[in-house]
Amino acid sequence: MDITRFISTHRKLLLVGFPLLIILVFLATLPLYGGVYYTRLLTTILMYVVLSVSWAMFSGSTGYMSLAPAAFFGVGIYTTGFLQNTLPFPVIIPIGGLLSFMLALLVGMVTLRLRGIYFTIFTFGLVVFMSEVVAALESELFGRVGQHINQLPGETIFYAMLVTAVATLLAIYFIRRSRLGLAMLSIGGNEEAAAHMGVNTTRMKVLTFAISAFFMGLAGVIMAPVKVYIDPRIAFSLSYSFMPILMSIFGGMGQFYGPVVGAAVFGYLEKTLRGQFSTYFMLGFGIILVVVILFLPNGIAGLVPMLQGKLSGVIAKLRKGGKAEQHANT
């Protein structure tokens, strides 16, 4: 009786939580039977999950178009590069996240008073600026630009990225259900109205911007050993800014799982097709993005309520027709 009551009370939670638990168990055991290729593939997809969800955490709710993910991701990569011979890898991971957090905090306090295209341009410039700063720092410290990264087992990198991806998803889930998330949604809806209602818009934007950068920095630290060799051009590649945006828009930012869907689809396509069709790869991505914006403005996640609405309408019509026919027969 108690079990039946528990199931009926927590039915929605069980319907969502049980499949998620199965997926988590599948991912956690993948290296045992998936082999090197699938472990690396899932590591790449999980990296894009972290970047896409982190980007949507700030830009998806506020409407501020940030092109800074590559800057924070690159900071994480170079944190590994500078500290790999000094500190153990598990210690470097949170340091990279905190450095990205502090950079975003500093940048946010200066730039998040800007709006629209001005903020976007500044975040684009931040990526270029950080690349030049790191290049100058490397040249000063080592007399060269670029360095080799110590290798780690693929399973270690995979599990570190899996934990980071889960932590990122939990963060966006709880943020969107907190007062901070409500404040961010109000900023995205009408920032002036939110300010008039007593929301400290600048503080909320800076805090969320920094939290999202923290997870991007973690991802950079973890992926550095995969790169083998890094230089500013590799670490601060603009693809790490544009790809999360494409994935988030494709998956849909209205639901927290939307960027996950986009990252899974495009992460797989990038890993499997980029080597064979490198010339047309980004062109194909651009075409898909235009199609999604024109015909699926809410992304793949927006299809679910749309299909539910249409299905409900069809069922209602069928029931109405059935009742009418029954009434006519009587």
Protein backbone atom coordinates (compact mmCIF):
# COMPACT_ATOMS: atom_id res chain seq x y z
CA MET A 1 0.00 0.00 0.00
CA ASP A 2 2.81 2.38 0.93
CA ILE A 3 4.70 1.49 -2.24
CA THR A 4 1.62 2.13 -4.37
CA ARG A 5 1.10 5.49 -2.71
CA PHE A 6 4.76 6.40 -3.18
CA ILE A 7 4.62 5.53 -6.89
CA SER A 8 1.44 7.52 -7.45
CA THR A 9 2.84 10.52 -5.57
CA HIS A 10 6.23 10.51 -7.29
CA ARG A 11 5.13 9.19 -10.66
CA LYS A 12 6.54 12.06 -12.69
CA LEU A 13 9.87 11.95 -10.88
CA LEU A 14 10.15 8.19 -11.44
CA LEU A 15 9.25 8.48 -15.12
CA VAL A 16 12.10 10.95 -15.61
CA GLY A 17 14.58 9.67 -13.04
CA PHE A 18 14.54 5.98 -13.93
CA PRO A 19 15.56 6.47 -17.61
CA LEU A 20 18.22 8.97 -16.51
CA LEU A 21 19.58 6.42 -14.06
CA ILE A 22 19.77 3.81 -16.83
CA ILE A 23 21.62 6.25 -19.10
CA LEU A 24 24.04 7.14 -16.30
CA VAL A 25 24.77 3.46 -15.58
CA PHE A 26 25.31 2.86 -19.31
CA LEU A 27 27.77 5.74 -19.53
CA ALA A 28 29.57 4.77 -16.34
CA THR A 29 30.17 1.21 -17.59
CA LEU A 30 30.94 2.11 -21.23
CA PRO A 31 34.76 1.87 -20.93
CA LEU A 32 34.36 -1.75 -19.77
CA TYR A 33 32.96 -2.90 -23.13
CA GLY A 34 32.94 0.06 -25.51
CA GLY A 35 36.61 0.10 -26.44
CA VAL A 36 38.91 3.05 -27.07
CA TYR A 37 36.96 4.55 -29.97
CA TYR A 38 33.60 4.81 -28.22
CA THR A 39 35.22 6.02 -25.01
CA ARG A 40 36.86 8.89 -26.92
CA LEU A 41 33.65 9.59 -28.84
CA LEU A 42 31.59 9.83 -25.64
CA THR A 43 34.29 11.99 -24.04
CA THR A 44 33.99 14.47 -26.91
CA ILE A 45 30.20 14.46 -26.74
CA LEU A 46 30.28 15.00 -22.96
CA MET A 47 32.67 17.91 -23.48
CA TYR A 48 30.18 19.55 -25.83
CA VAL A 49 27.38 18.82 -23.36
CA VAL A 50 29.28 20.80 -20.72
CA LEU A 51 30.03 23.69 -23.10
CA SER A 52 26.51 23.84 -24.56
CA VAL A 53 24.67 23.56 -21.24
CA SER A 54 27.02 26.12 -19.65
CA TRP A 55 26.44 28.54 -22.52
CA ALA A 56 22.67 28.08 -22.31
CA MET A 57 22.84 28.56 -18.53
CA PHE A 58 23.62 32.24 -19.12
CA SER A 59 22.76 33.16 -22.71
CA GLY A 60 19.68 30.96 -22.97
CA SER A 61 17.90 32.72 -20.12
CA THR A 62 19.12 36.30 -20.57
CA GLY A 63 19.26 36.56 -24.35
CA TYR A 64 22.82 37.94 -24.15
CA MET A 65 24.80 36.38 -27.00
CA SER A 66 28.17 35.39 -25.52
CA LEU A 67 31.04 34.31 -27.75
CA ALA A 68 33.36 33.77 -24.79
CA PRO A 69 33.23 29.96 -24.27
CA ALA A 70 36.51 29.52 -26.16
CA ALA A 71 38.22 31.97 -23.78
CA PHE A 72 37.19 30.07 -20.64
CA PHE A 73 37.78 26.67 -22.25
CA GLY A 74 41.25 27.80 -23.34
CA VAL A 75 42.06 29.04 -19.84
CA GLY A 76 41.29 25.54 -18.59
CA ILE A 77 43.51 23.95 -21.22
CA TYR A 78 46.44 26.19 -20.39
CA THR A 79 45.93 25.68 -16.67
CA THR A 80 46.83 22.05 -17.34
CA GLY A 81 49.74 23.11 -19.53
CA PHE A 82 51.28 25.40 -16.92
CA LEU A 83 50.64 23.21 -13.85
CA GLN A 84 50.94 19.64 -15.20
CA ASN A 85 54.46 19.15 -13.84
CA THR A 86 53.74 20.85 -10.53
CA LEU A 87 50.40 19.56 -9.25
CA PRO A 88 48.40 16.32 -9.58
CA PHE A 89 45.71 16.33 -12.25
CA PRO A 90 42.75 16.07 -9.80
CA VAL A 91 43.99 19.27 -8.12
CA ILE A 92 44.44 21.10 -11.44
CA ILE A 93 40.81 20.50 -12.46
CA PRO A 94 39.17 22.80 -9.85
CA ILE A 95 41.96 25.36 -10.24
CA GLY A 96 41.16 25.68 -13.95
CA GLY A 97 37.48 26.11 -13.15
CA LEU A 98 38.20 28.78 -10.52
CA LEU A 99 40.53 30.71 -12.85
CA SER A 100 37.81 30.77 -15.50
CA PHE A 101 35.28 31.78 -12.83
CA MET A 102 37.44 34.72 -11.70
CA LEU A 103 38.11 35.80 -15.29
CA ALA A 104 34.38 35.77 -16.04
CA LEU A 105 33.69 37.63 -12.80
CA LEU A 106 36.14 40.36 -13.76
CA VAL A 107 34.98 40.57 -17.36
CA GLY A 108 31.31 40.43 -16.35
CA MET A 109 31.60 43.34 -13.92
CA VAL A 110 33.02 45.44 -16.75
CA THR A 111 30.98 44.27 -19.75
CA LEU A 112 27.59 43.13 -18.49
CA ARG A 113 26.46 46.73 -18.28
CA LEU A 114 26.67 46.60 -22.07
CA ARG A 115 23.80 45.17 -24.09
CA GLY A 116 23.14 43.70 -27.48
CA ILE A 117 25.84 43.68 -30.11
CA TYR A 118 28.33 45.51 -27.88
CA PHE A 119 28.47 42.65 -25.40
CA THR A 120 28.79 40.11 -28.21
CA ILE A 121 31.68 41.99 -29.81
CA PHE A 122 33.47 42.30 -26.47
CA THR A 123 33.20 38.57 -25.74
CA PHE A 124 34.54 37.83 -29.22
CA GLY A 125 37.45 40.16 -28.53
CA LEU A 126 38.07 38.42 -25.20
CA VAL A 127 38.91 35.18 -27.01
CA VAL A 128 41.46 36.95 -29.23
CA PHE A 129 42.85 38.89 -26.27
CA MET A 130 43.37 35.78 -24.14
CA SER A 131 45.08 34.01 -27.03
CA GLU A 132 47.56 36.87 -27.41
CA VAL A 133 48.15 37.15 -23.65
CA VAL A 134 48.87 33.43 -23.30
CA ALA A 135 51.18 33.50 -26.33
CA ALA A 136 53.15 36.37 -24.80
CA LEU A 137 53.27 34.62 -21.42
CA GLU A 138 54.52 31.37 -22.95
CA SER A 139 57.18 33.22 -24.92
CA GLU A 140 58.34 35.03 -21.78
CA LEU A 141 58.42 31.93 -19.56
CA PHE A 142 59.63 29.24 -21.96
CA GLY A 143 61.10 31.14 -24.91
CA ARG A 144 58.63 29.47 -27.27
CA VAL A 145 54.91 29.26 -28.03
CA GLY A 146 53.20 25.88 -27.63
CA GLN A 147 53.87 22.90 -25.39
CA HIS A 148 53.29 19.17 -25.06
CA ILE A 149 50.76 17.82 -22.56
CA ASN A 150 51.36 14.78 -20.42
CA GLN A 151 49.13 11.90 -21.44
CA LEU A 152 46.53 10.29 -19.18
CA PRO A 153 44.49 7.08 -19.59
CA GLY A 154 41.38 7.58 -21.70
CA GLU A 155 39.20 6.12 -18.94
CA THR A 156 40.43 8.74 -16.48
CA ILE A 157 39.55 11.57 -18.84
CA PHE A 158 36.18 10.01 -19.64
CA TYR A 159 35.12 9.63 -16.01
CA ALA A 160 36.32 13.13 -15.13
CA MET A 161 34.26 14.56 -18.01
CA LEU A 162 31.25 12.42 -17.07
CA VAL A 163 31.29 13.77 -13.51
CA THR A 164 31.66 17.33 -14.85
CA ALA A 165 28.75 16.87 -17.27
CA VAL A 166 26.49 15.53 -14.51
CA ALA A 167 27.51 18.42 -12.23
CA THR A 168 26.75 20.92 -15.02
CA LEU A 169 23.30 19.44 -15.62
CA LEU A 170 22.52 19.48 -11.91
CA ALA A 171 23.69 23.09 -11.71
CA ILE A 172 21.44 24.33 -14.52
CA TYR A 173 18.52 22.26 -13.18
CA PHE A 174 18.69 23.79 -9.71
CA ILE A 175 19.57 27.28 -10.94
CA ARG A 176 16.50 27.41 -13.16
CA ARG A 177 14.35 26.42 -10.19
CA SER A 178 15.91 28.94 -7.82
CA ARG A 179 15.45 32.66 -7.25
CA LEU A 180 18.55 33.22 -9.36
CA GLY A 181 16.96 31.39 -12.29
CA LEU A 182 13.73 33.35 -11.88
CA ALA A 183 15.71 36.58 -11.87
CA MET A 184 17.58 35.55 -15.03
CA LEU A 185 14.33 34.72 -16.82
CA SER A 186 12.91 38.10 -15.85
CA ILE A 187 16.04 39.75 -17.25
CA GLY A 188 15.61 37.86 -20.50
CA GLY A 189 11.94 38.85 -20.67
CA ASN A 190 12.31 42.53 -19.88
CA GLU A 191 15.45 43.73 -18.13
CA GLU A 192 14.09 47.22 -17.38
CA ALA A 193 10.98 45.78 -15.76
CA ALA A 194 13.11 43.36 -13.72
CA ALA A 195 15.24 46.26 -12.45
CA HIS A 196 12.10 48.22 -11.50
CA MET A 197 10.88 45.18 -9.54
CA GLY A 198 14.03 45.28 -7.41
CA VAL A 199 16.20 42.70 -9.18
CA ASN A 200 19.90 43.61 -9.13
CA THR A 201 20.29 42.72 -12.80
CA THR A 202 24.01 43.36 -13.07
CA ARG A 203 24.85 41.20 -10.05
CA MET A 204 22.65 38.34 -11.24
CA LYS A 205 24.11 38.42 -14.75
CA VAL A 206 27.70 38.52 -13.51
CA LEU A 207 27.13 35.65 -11.08
CA THR A 208 25.49 33.37 -13.65
CA PHE A 209 28.10 34.29 -16.28
CA ALA A 210 30.87 33.30 -13.85
CA ILE A 211 29.18 30.03 -12.85
CA SER A 212 28.83 29.03 -16.50
CA ALA A 213 32.50 29.89 -17.10
CA PHE A 214 33.52 27.68 -14.16
CA PHE A 215 32.22 24.55 -15.88
CA MET A 216 33.77 25.57 -19.22
CA GLY A 217 37.12 25.88 -17.47
CA LEU A 218 36.71 22.42 -15.94
CA ALA A 219 36.06 20.97 -19.40
CA GLY A 220 39.19 22.65 -20.75
CA VAL A 221 41.39 21.20 -18.03
CA ILE A 222 40.04 17.70 -18.58
CA MET A 223 40.36 17.80 -22.38
CA ALA A 224 43.92 19.14 -22.41
CA PRO A 225 45.58 15.68 -22.19
CA VAL A 226 43.57 14.63 -25.25
CA LYS A 227 45.22 17.37 -27.29
CA VAL A 228 48.78 16.02 -26.79
CA TYR A 229 50.14 19.37 -28.04
CA ILE A 230 48.63 22.80 -27.44
CA ASP A 231 49.26 26.36 -28.56
CA PRO A 232 47.02 29.46 -28.31
CA ARG A 233 45.52 28.80 -31.74
CA ILE A 234 44.40 25.33 -30.66
CA ALA A 235 43.35 26.16 -27.09
CA PHE A 236 41.40 29.32 -27.97
CA SER A 237 39.90 28.08 -31.23
CA LEU A 238 36.70 29.96 -32.04
CA SER A 239 35.01 26.66 -32.83
CA TYR A 240 34.70 26.19 -29.06
CA SER A 241 32.56 29.32 -29.03
CA PHE A 242 30.44 28.72 -32.11
CA MET A 243 29.81 24.99 -31.74
CA PRO A 244 28.05 25.26 -28.33
CA ILE A 245 25.83 27.99 -29.75
CA LEU A 246 24.89 25.85 -32.75
CA MET A 247 24.21 22.87 -30.52
CA SER A 248 22.11 24.85 -28.04
CA ILE A 249 19.98 26.46 -30.76
CA PHE A 250 19.52 23.13 -32.54
CA GLY A 251 18.55 21.29 -29.37
CA GLY A 252 16.49 24.15 -27.97
CA MET A 253 17.22 26.32 -24.96
CA GLY A 254 13.71 26.30 -23.49
CA GLN A 255 14.39 23.00 -21.70
CA PHE A 256 17.64 22.16 -19.95
CA TYR A 257 17.90 18.91 -21.93
CA GLY A 258 17.75 20.76 -25.27
CA PRO A 259 21.49 21.60 -25.40
CA VAL A 260 22.22 18.00 -24.39
CA VAL A 261 20.34 16.73 -27.44
CA GLY A 262 22.13 19.21 -29.70
CA ALA A 263 25.52 18.30 -28.24
CA ALA A 264 24.86 14.58 -28.66
CA VAL A 265 23.81 14.95 -32.32
CA PHE A 266 26.46 17.40 -33.46
CA GLY A 267 29.20 15.95 -31.27
CA TYR A 268 28.69 12.60 -32.96
CA LEU A 269 28.55 14.16 -36.43
CA GLU A 270 31.70 16.18 -35.84
CA LYS A 271 33.66 13.20 -34.56
CA THR A 272 32.55 10.88 -37.34
CA LEU A 273 32.22 13.15 -40.39
CA ARG A 274 34.69 16.00 -39.98
CA GLY A 275 37.66 13.93 -41.11
CA GLN A 276 35.88 12.71 -44.25
CA PHE A 277 34.02 15.86 -45.26
CA SER A 278 36.11 18.64 -43.72
CA THR A 279 35.45 21.00 -46.65
CA TYR A 280 31.67 20.90 -46.35
CA PHE A 281 31.35 20.14 -42.64
CA MET A 282 30.86 23.68 -41.33
CA LEU A 283 28.78 24.60 -44.39
CA GLY A 284 26.41 21.76 -43.48
CA PHE A 285 26.26 22.98 -39.90
CA GLY A 286 25.35 26.47 -41.09
CA ILE A 287 22.58 25.18 -43.34
CA ILE A 288 21.12 23.09 -40.50
CA LEU A 289 21.23 26.13 -38.20
CA VAL A 290 19.35 28.30 -40.72
CA VAL A 291 16.71 25.58 -41.21
CA VAL A 292 16.24 25.20 -37.45
CA ILE A 293 15.92 28.96 -36.91
CA LEU A 294 13.36 29.27 -39.71
CA PHE A 295 11.23 26.21 -39.02
CA LEU A 296 12.08 25.15 -35.45
CA PRO A 297 12.72 28.36 -33.50
CA ASN A 298 12.50 26.43 -30.22
CA GLY A 299 14.81 23.65 -31.42
CA ILE A 300 14.30 19.92 -31.14
CA ALA A 301 13.06 20.31 -27.56
CA GLY A 302 10.28 22.55 -28.89
CA LEU A 303 8.97 19.69 -30.99
CA VAL A 304 7.79 17.81 -27.91
CA PRO A 305 5.07 20.27 -26.78
CA MET A 306 4.23 21.00 -30.41
CA LEU A 307 3.61 17.33 -31.18
CA GLN A 308 1.79 16.88 -27.87
CA GLY A 309 -0.54 19.75 -28.77
CA LYS A 310 -1.26 18.37 -32.23
CA LEU A 311 -1.79 14.86 -30.86
CA SER A 312 -4.16 16.18 -28.20
CA GLY A 313 -6.08 18.04 -30.90
CA VAL A 314 -6.39 14.93 -33.05
CA ILE A 315 -7.53 12.84 -30.07
CA ALA A 316 -10.07 15.50 -29.09
CA LYS A 317 -11.48 15.56 -32.64
CA LEU A 318 -11.72 11.78 -32.73
CA ARG A 319 -13.51 11.70 -29.39
CA LYS A 320 -15.84 14.46 -30.50
CA GLY A 321 -16.59 12.61 -33.74
CA GLY A 322 -17.16 9.36 -31.85
CA LYS A 323 -19.59 11.02 -29.43
CA ALA A 324 -21.45 12.66 -32.31
CA GLU A 325 -21.76 9.35 -34.13
CA GLN A 326 -22.97 7.62 -30.95
CA HIS A 327 -25.50 10.38 -30.36
CA ALA A 328 -26.77 10.06 -33.94
CA ASN A 329 -27.18 6.29 -33.58
CA THR A 330 -29.23 6.71 -30.40
